[in-house]
Amino acid sequence: MSIAELPIKIDRQKIAEFCRARGIRKLCLFGSVLRADFDPEHSDVDVLAEFEPGALKGVGFRYFGYGEEFAAILGRNVDFCSRLNQYIEASFRREAVPIYERA
């Protein structure tokens, strides 16, 4: 799936600004937003952030606000994470759609 095929609106400029300000080197969508069972009215969006080395040093509890900040950009609820359970990581890597990657 490509960004153009996603069932949600992606503002690439705002997402890039969000990522640069927080030291995110890659941001991917996964889960139901990539499948036919996605419900635009009720489904949340699963997001995985890969941070630059050292980007989370000193962030503390502000990290937990990143999901809410990103949800405001997308206009919907977000499950924001930076690590995946080892049992789902392989399937994530096959299906994930990057929406930001540092050049």
Protein backbone atom coordinates (compact mmCIF):
# COMPACT_ATOMS: atom_id res chain seq x y z
CA MET A 1 0.00 0.00 0.00
CA SER A 2 1.17 3.51 -0.73
CA ILE A 3 0.49 6.75 1.14
CA ALA A 4 -1.95 7.78 -1.60
CA GLU A 5 -4.03 4.64 -0.97
CA LEU A 6 -4.43 5.20 2.78
CA PRO A 7 -8.00 5.77 4.03
CA ILE A 8 -6.86 8.79 6.07
CA LYS A 9 -5.49 12.18 5.12
CA ILE A 10 -1.72 12.55 5.53
CA ASP A 11 -0.24 16.04 5.79
CA ARG A 12 3.35 15.21 4.95
CA GLN A 13 4.66 18.67 5.85
CA LYS A 14 3.15 18.67 9.36
CA ILE A 15 4.30 15.11 9.92
CA ALA A 16 7.85 15.98 8.85
CA GLU A 17 7.88 18.98 11.22
CA PHE A 18 6.61 16.77 14.07
CA CYS A 19 9.27 14.15 13.40
CA ARG A 20 12.18 16.56 13.02
CA ALA A 21 11.28 18.36 16.26
CA ARG A 22 11.34 15.09 18.21
CA GLY A 23 14.29 13.33 16.61
CA ILE A 24 12.21 10.73 14.80
CA ARG A 25 14.09 9.26 11.87
CA LYS A 26 11.29 7.04 10.56
CA LEU A 27 7.54 6.95 11.18
CA CYS A 28 5.40 4.07 9.94
CA LEU A 29 1.74 3.12 10.00
CA PHE A 30 0.68 -0.46 10.61
CA GLY A 31 -2.38 -2.42 11.69
CA SER A 32 -5.99 -1.86 10.68
CA VAL A 33 -5.38 1.42 8.82
CA LEU A 34 -3.75 -0.75 6.15
CA ARG A 35 -6.55 -3.31 5.95
CA ALA A 36 -10.09 -3.48 4.63
CA ASP A 37 -11.48 -3.75 8.18
CA PHE A 38 -10.42 -0.16 9.00
CA ASP A 39 -13.42 1.85 10.20
CA PRO A 40 -12.89 5.56 9.46
CA GLU A 41 -15.39 6.50 12.19
CA HIS A 42 -14.04 4.33 15.02
CA SER A 43 -10.63 2.81 14.32
CA ASP A 44 -7.47 4.30 15.73
CA VAL A 45 -4.21 4.48 13.81
CA ASP A 46 -1.19 2.42 14.89
CA VAL A 47 2.08 4.33 14.55
CA LEU A 48 5.66 3.18 15.10
CA ALA A 49 8.38 5.78 15.57
CA GLU A 50 12.08 5.01 15.17
CA PHE A 51 14.12 7.67 16.96
CA GLU A 52 17.59 8.99 16.25
CA PRO A 53 20.19 7.70 18.73
CA GLY A 54 19.94 9.77 21.91
CA ALA A 55 16.73 11.55 20.85
CA LEU A 56 14.81 10.25 23.86
CA LYS A 57 17.46 11.18 26.40
CA GLY A 58 15.87 13.54 28.90
CA VAL A 59 12.41 13.38 27.27
CA GLY A 60 10.84 11.62 30.25
CA PHE A 61 7.09 11.81 30.53
CA ARG A 62 6.82 14.16 27.52
CA TYR A 63 7.16 10.99 25.41
CA PHE A 64 3.64 10.00 26.43
CA GLY A 65 2.28 13.20 24.92
CA TYR A 66 3.70 12.42 21.49
CA GLY A 67 0.72 10.20 20.67
CA GLU A 68 -1.74 12.97 21.53
CA GLU A 69 0.26 15.51 19.53
CA PHE A 70 0.35 13.19 16.53
CA ALA A 71 -3.37 12.43 16.92
CA ALA A 72 -4.04 16.16 16.57
CA ILE A 73 -2.17 16.16 13.25
CA LEU A 74 -4.15 13.19 11.92
CA GLY A 75 -7.45 14.23 13.46
CA ARG A 76 -8.05 10.81 14.99
CA ASN A 77 -6.95 8.61 17.87
CA VAL A 78 -3.45 7.17 17.63
CA ASP A 79 -1.62 4.28 19.28
CA PHE A 80 1.94 5.63 19.29
CA CYS A 81 4.85 3.34 20.06
CA SER A 82 8.59 3.09 19.57
CA ARG A 83 8.98 -0.64 20.17
CA LEU A 84 7.01 -3.69 19.13
CA ASN A 85 6.43 -7.01 20.77
CA GLN A 86 8.91 -9.51 19.34
CA TYR A 87 6.04 -11.77 18.22
CA ILE A 88 4.48 -9.19 15.91
CA GLU A 89 7.60 -7.40 14.70
CA ALA A 90 8.14 -9.69 11.68
CA SER A 91 4.59 -9.18 10.39
CA PHE A 92 4.87 -5.44 11.04
CA ARG A 93 8.02 -5.21 8.92
CA ARG A 94 6.17 -6.86 6.01
CA GLU A 95 3.11 -4.62 6.10
CA ALA A 96 4.24 -1.24 7.48
CA VAL A 97 3.87 1.90 5.38
CA PRO A 98 6.47 4.59 6.05
CA ILE A 99 4.96 8.06 6.10
CA TYR A 100 8.18 9.86 7.08
CA GLU A 101 11.82 8.98 6.71
CA ARG A 102 14.71 11.30 7.35
CA ALA A 103 16.63 11.91 4.15
